[in-house]
Amino acid sequence: MMHASRAKRFEFSASSSMMSGDGKSKSLFPKVLLITIALLGVACSQIHTKTPEGKPVVMDQEEFSAYVEHVFRHHNTVVNELLFATPSGLEASDDPVAKAEVKMDRACQPLNDTALAAATGLSPDYWTKMKLADAVPECEAATRILEKLFTQEK
């Protein structure tokens, strides 16, 4: 057992450094910064989202990007079919397809905002990007519902 007077003493100061028993100052900043960057890298490389049915799922950035693109393309296909096949002047209160379209438009807004920003060469803002993990599965679910209703009415 080491006597208390012989033990190396560490003193923490407000300047984020350690003072060892031999009087040399060691900065904690590089270590804390390195750990923080590593944790952020791990946290940012995994996206926690859900399936359209609501089941939690974790994707890496590449998988999530592919998923976002898939949902965006499917959404656009359904919107295009709807535009060219429905009569004008549908009342949302009377028509289930029109109601489903309104729900889909709301659910897909963050996805459409992101796509518009990317198409114009801008980067979507932070909050829009943060909404995507929830918005993309909701958009996919709303698009599926509209597509099903639409094909039933044809």
C-alpha atoms as a PDB file:
ATOM      1  CA  MET A   1       0.000   0.000   0.000  1.00  0.00           C
ATOM      2  CA  MET A   2       1.317   3.425  -0.963  1.00  0.00           C
ATOM      3  CA  HIS A   3       1.589   6.116   1.651  1.00  0.00           C
ATOM      4  CA  ALA A   4      -0.493   9.222   0.931  1.00  0.00           C
ATOM      5  CA  SER A   5       2.559  11.484   0.825  1.00  0.00           C
ATOM      6  CA  ARG A   6       4.171   9.375  -1.937  1.00  0.00           C
ATOM      7  CA  ALA A   7       1.081   9.062  -4.174  1.00  0.00           C
ATOM      8  CA  LYS A   8       1.065  11.166  -7.316  1.00  0.00           C
ATOM      9  CA  ARG A   9      -1.365  13.981  -6.900  1.00  0.00           C
ATOM     10  CA  PHE A  10      -3.591  15.294  -9.697  1.00  0.00           C
ATOM     11  CA  GLU A  11      -5.089  18.721  -9.416  1.00  0.00           C
ATOM     12  CA  PHE A  12      -7.823  19.862 -11.781  1.00  0.00           C
ATOM     13  CA  SER A  13      -7.995  23.513 -12.639  1.00  0.00           C
ATOM     14  CA  ALA A  14     -10.592  25.592 -14.438  1.00  0.00           C
ATOM     15  CA  SER A  15      -8.332  25.680 -17.487  1.00  0.00           C
ATOM     16  CA  SER A  16      -8.982  22.002 -18.248  1.00  0.00           C
ATOM     17  CA  SER A  17      -5.518  20.771 -17.449  1.00  0.00           C
ATOM     18  CA  MET A  18      -4.084  18.275 -15.004  1.00  0.00           C
ATOM     19  CA  MET A  19      -1.127  18.914 -12.784  1.00  0.00           C
ATOM     20  CA  SER A  20       0.818  15.790 -12.070  1.00  0.00           C
ATOM     21  CA  GLY A  21       2.917  15.274  -8.984  1.00  0.00           C
ATOM     22  CA  ASP A  22       6.088  16.149 -10.907  1.00  0.00           C
ATOM     23  CA  GLY A  23       4.728  19.650 -11.685  1.00  0.00           C
ATOM     24  CA  LYS A  24       4.130  19.111 -15.417  1.00  0.00           C
ATOM     25  CA  SER A  25       0.831  20.370 -16.778  1.00  0.00           C
ATOM     26  CA  LYS A  26      -1.157  18.002 -19.019  1.00  0.00           C
ATOM     27  CA  SER A  27      -4.068  19.404 -20.988  1.00  0.00           C
ATOM     28  CA  LEU A  28      -7.347  17.478 -20.960  1.00  0.00           C
ATOM     29  CA  PHE A  29      -8.704  19.410 -23.931  1.00  0.00           C
ATOM     30  CA  PRO A  30      -7.222  17.220 -26.722  1.00  0.00           C
ATOM     31  CA  LYS A  31      -8.466  14.031 -25.062  1.00  0.00           C
ATOM     32  CA  VAL A  32     -11.936  15.411 -24.387  1.00  0.00           C
ATOM     33  CA  LEU A  33     -12.128  16.789 -27.927  1.00  0.00           C
ATOM     34  CA  LEU A  34     -11.052  13.465 -29.408  1.00  0.00           C
ATOM     35  CA  ILE A  35     -13.617  11.539 -27.363  1.00  0.00           C
ATOM     36  CA  THR A  36     -16.354  14.025 -28.245  1.00  0.00           C
ATOM     37  CA  ILE A  37     -15.572  13.803 -31.966  1.00  0.00           C
ATOM     38  CA  ALA A  38     -15.519  10.005 -31.809  1.00  0.00           C
ATOM     39  CA  LEU A  39     -18.885   9.897 -30.024  1.00  0.00           C
ATOM     40  CA  LEU A  40     -20.411  12.378 -32.443  1.00  0.00           C
ATOM     41  CA  GLY A  41     -19.107  10.339 -35.346  1.00  0.00           C
ATOM     42  CA  VAL A  42     -20.756   7.214 -33.985  1.00  0.00           C
ATOM     43  CA  ALA A  43     -23.982   9.058 -33.146  1.00  0.00           C
ATOM     44  CA  CYS A  44     -24.136  10.753 -36.529  1.00  0.00           C
ATOM     45  CA  SER A  45     -23.343   7.622 -38.479  1.00  0.00           C
ATOM     46  CA  GLN A  46     -26.470   5.878 -37.224  1.00  0.00           C
ATOM     47  CA  ILE A  47     -29.944   7.178 -37.902  1.00  0.00           C
ATOM     48  CA  HIS A  48     -32.709   5.967 -35.641  1.00  0.00           C
ATOM     49  CA  THR A  49     -35.938   5.915 -37.591  1.00  0.00           C
ATOM     50  CA  LYS A  50     -38.880   3.585 -38.050  1.00  0.00           C
ATOM     51  CA  THR A  51     -40.625   1.624 -40.722  1.00  0.00           C
ATOM     52  CA  PRO A  52     -43.921   2.931 -42.127  1.00  0.00           C
ATOM     53  CA  GLU A  53     -45.589   0.448 -39.783  1.00  0.00           C
ATOM     54  CA  GLY A  54     -43.879   2.099 -36.794  1.00  0.00           C
ATOM     55  CA  LYS A  55     -41.223  -0.523 -36.006  1.00  0.00           C
ATOM     56  CA  PRO A  56     -37.934   1.097 -34.847  1.00  0.00           C
ATOM     57  CA  VAL A  57     -34.974   0.611 -37.157  1.00  0.00           C
ATOM     58  CA  VAL A  58     -31.377   1.857 -37.214  1.00  0.00           C
ATOM     59  CA  MET A  59     -29.688   2.700 -40.512  1.00  0.00           C
ATOM     60  CA  ASP A  60     -26.287   4.037 -41.401  1.00  0.00           C
ATOM     61  CA  GLN A  61     -26.107   7.242 -43.452  1.00  0.00           C
ATOM     62  CA  GLU A  62     -25.791   5.424 -46.760  1.00  0.00           C
ATOM     63  CA  GLU A  63     -28.809   3.198 -46.075  1.00  0.00           C
ATOM     64  CA  PHE A  64     -30.872   6.157 -44.902  1.00  0.00           C
ATOM     65  CA  SER A  65     -29.938   8.194 -47.982  1.00  0.00           C
ATOM     66  CA  ALA A  66     -31.013   5.318 -50.231  1.00  0.00           C
ATOM     67  CA  TYR A  67     -34.258   4.992 -48.248  1.00  0.00           C
ATOM     68  CA  VAL A  68     -34.958   8.733 -48.538  1.00  0.00           C
ATOM     69  CA  GLU A  69     -34.388   8.596 -52.290  1.00  0.00           C
ATOM     70  CA  HIS A  70     -36.635   5.541 -52.654  1.00  0.00           C
ATOM     71  CA  VAL A  71     -39.469   7.197 -50.715  1.00  0.00           C
ATOM     72  CA  PHE A  72     -39.059  10.464 -52.620  1.00  0.00           C
ATOM     73  CA  ARG A  73     -39.226   8.699 -56.001  1.00  0.00           C
ATOM     74  CA  HIS A  74     -42.262   6.632 -54.957  1.00  0.00           C
ATOM     75  CA  HIS A  75     -43.978   9.745 -53.599  1.00  0.00           C
ATOM     76  CA  ASN A  76     -43.353  11.598 -56.877  1.00  0.00           C
ATOM     77  CA  THR A  77     -44.673   8.691 -58.940  1.00  0.00           C
ATOM     78  CA  VAL A  78     -47.911   8.626 -56.944  1.00  0.00           C
ATOM     79  CA  VAL A  79     -48.283  12.420 -57.123  1.00  0.00           C
ATOM     80  CA  ASN A  80     -47.757  12.357 -60.898  1.00  0.00           C
ATOM     81  CA  GLU A  81     -50.323   9.593 -61.371  1.00  0.00           C
ATOM     82  CA  LEU A  82     -52.771  11.507 -59.233  1.00  0.00           C
ATOM     83  CA  LEU A  83     -52.231  14.776 -61.115  1.00  0.00           C
ATOM     84  CA  PHE A  84     -52.933  13.252 -64.490  1.00  0.00           C
ATOM     85  CA  ALA A  85     -55.821  10.981 -63.491  1.00  0.00           C
ATOM     86  CA  THR A  86     -58.040  12.938 -61.104  1.00  0.00           C
ATOM     87  CA  PRO A  87     -60.696  15.448 -62.062  1.00  0.00           C
ATOM     88  CA  SER A  88     -60.148  18.989 -60.897  1.00  0.00           C
ATOM     89  CA  GLY A  89     -62.175  20.503 -58.101  1.00  0.00           C
ATOM     90  CA  LEU A  90     -62.255  17.584 -55.674  1.00  0.00           C
ATOM     91  CA  GLU A  91     -63.580  18.622 -52.285  1.00  0.00           C
ATOM     92  CA  ALA A  92     -61.405  17.374 -49.426  1.00  0.00           C
ATOM     93  CA  SER A  93     -64.448  17.014 -47.208  1.00  0.00           C
ATOM     94  CA  ASP A  94     -66.194  14.751 -49.710  1.00  0.00           C
ATOM     95  CA  ASP A  95     -63.448  12.627 -51.190  1.00  0.00           C
ATOM     96  CA  PRO A  96     -61.254  10.155 -49.272  1.00  0.00           C
ATOM     97  CA  VAL A  97     -58.541  10.406 -51.953  1.00  0.00           C
ATOM     98  CA  ALA A  98     -58.388  14.190 -51.543  1.00  0.00           C
ATOM     99  CA  LYS A  99     -58.216  13.814 -47.743  1.00  0.00           C
ATOM    100  CA  ALA A 100     -55.401  11.279 -48.079  1.00  0.00           C
ATOM    101  CA  GLU A 101     -53.601  13.628 -50.472  1.00  0.00           C
ATOM    102  CA  VAL A 102     -53.730  16.461 -47.925  1.00  0.00           C
ATOM    103  CA  LYS A 103     -52.335  14.132 -45.229  1.00  0.00           C
ATOM    104  CA  MET A 104     -49.604  12.966 -47.588  1.00  0.00           C
ATOM    105  CA  ASP A 105     -48.665  16.545 -48.494  1.00  0.00           C
ATOM    106  CA  ARG A 106     -48.242  17.407 -44.806  1.00  0.00           C
ATOM    107  CA  ALA A 107     -46.309  14.247 -44.007  1.00  0.00           C
ATOM    108  CA  CYS A 108     -43.973  14.677 -46.993  1.00  0.00           C
ATOM    109  CA  GLN A 109     -43.269  18.404 -46.563  1.00  0.00           C
ATOM    110  CA  PRO A 110     -39.833  17.992 -44.865  1.00  0.00           C
ATOM    111  CA  LEU A 111     -38.795  15.502 -47.558  1.00  0.00           C
ATOM    112  CA  ASN A 112     -39.945  17.845 -50.328  1.00  0.00           C
ATOM    113  CA  ASP A 113     -38.200  20.814 -48.657  1.00  0.00           C
ATOM    114  CA  THR A 114     -34.962  18.820 -48.514  1.00  0.00           C
ATOM    115  CA  ALA A 115     -35.261  17.749 -52.152  1.00  0.00           C
ATOM    116  CA  LEU A 116     -35.986  21.323 -53.248  1.00  0.00           C
ATOM    117  CA  ALA A 117     -32.981  22.641 -51.336  1.00  0.00           C
ATOM    118  CA  ALA A 118     -30.734  19.980 -52.858  1.00  0.00           C
ATOM    119  CA  ALA A 119     -32.084  20.654 -56.368  1.00  0.00           C
ATOM    120  CA  THR A 120     -31.341  24.370 -56.049  1.00  0.00           C
ATOM    121  CA  GLY A 121     -27.823  23.721 -54.751  1.00  0.00           C
ATOM    122  CA  LEU A 122     -28.596  24.731 -51.186  1.00  0.00           C
ATOM    123  CA  SER A 123     -28.134  22.657 -48.101  1.00  0.00           C
ATOM    124  CA  PRO A 124     -31.335  22.095 -46.133  1.00  0.00           C
ATOM    125  CA  ASP A 125     -31.330  23.719 -42.723  1.00  0.00           C
ATOM    126  CA  TYR A 126     -30.467  21.706 -39.628  1.00  0.00           C
ATOM    127  CA  TRP A 127     -34.061  21.404 -38.381  1.00  0.00           C
ATOM    128  CA  THR A 128     -35.347  20.135 -41.720  1.00  0.00           C
ATOM    129  CA  LYS A 129     -32.635  17.462 -41.745  1.00  0.00           C
ATOM    130  CA  MET A 130     -33.505  16.483 -38.173  1.00  0.00           C
ATOM    131  CA  LYS A 131     -37.167  16.028 -39.137  1.00  0.00           C
ATOM    132  CA  LEU A 132     -36.316  13.533 -41.882  1.00  0.00           C
ATOM    133  CA  ALA A 133     -35.849  10.544 -39.567  1.00  0.00           C
ATOM    134  CA  ASP A 134     -39.521  10.836 -38.573  1.00  0.00           C
ATOM    135  CA  ALA A 135     -40.915  12.422 -41.722  1.00  0.00           C
ATOM    136  CA  VAL A 136     -39.658   9.911 -44.291  1.00  0.00           C
ATOM    137  CA  PRO A 137     -41.450   6.859 -42.816  1.00  0.00           C
ATOM    138  CA  GLU A 138     -44.580   8.990 -42.264  1.00  0.00           C
ATOM    139  CA  CYS A 139     -44.380  10.163 -45.871  1.00  0.00           C
ATOM    140  CA  GLU A 140     -43.982   6.594 -47.073  1.00  0.00           C
ATOM    141  CA  ALA A 141     -46.984   5.437 -45.029  1.00  0.00           C
ATOM    142  CA  ALA A 142     -49.159   8.351 -46.224  1.00  0.00           C
ATOM    143  CA  THR A 143     -48.087   7.753 -49.833  1.00  0.00           C
ATOM    144  CA  ARG A 144     -48.988   4.065 -49.570  1.00  0.00           C
ATOM    145  CA  ILE A 145     -52.412   4.923 -48.152  1.00  0.00           C
ATOM    146  CA  LEU A 146     -53.103   7.412 -50.940  1.00  0.00           C
ATOM    147  CA  GLU A 147     -51.861   4.978 -53.567  1.00  0.00           C
ATOM    148  CA  LYS A 148     -54.136   2.237 -52.230  1.00  0.00           C
ATOM    149  CA  LEU A 149     -57.187   4.528 -52.153  1.00  0.00           C
ATOM    150  CA  PHE A 150     -56.410   5.871 -55.582  1.00  0.00           C
ATOM    151  CA  THR A 151     -56.064   2.417 -57.184  1.00  0.00           C
ATOM    152  CA  GLN A 152     -59.341   1.326 -55.565  1.00  0.00           C
ATOM    153  CA  GLU A 153     -61.186   4.279 -57.123  1.00  0.00           C
ATOM    154  CA  LYS A 154     -59.806   3.749 -60.651  1.00  0.00           C
END
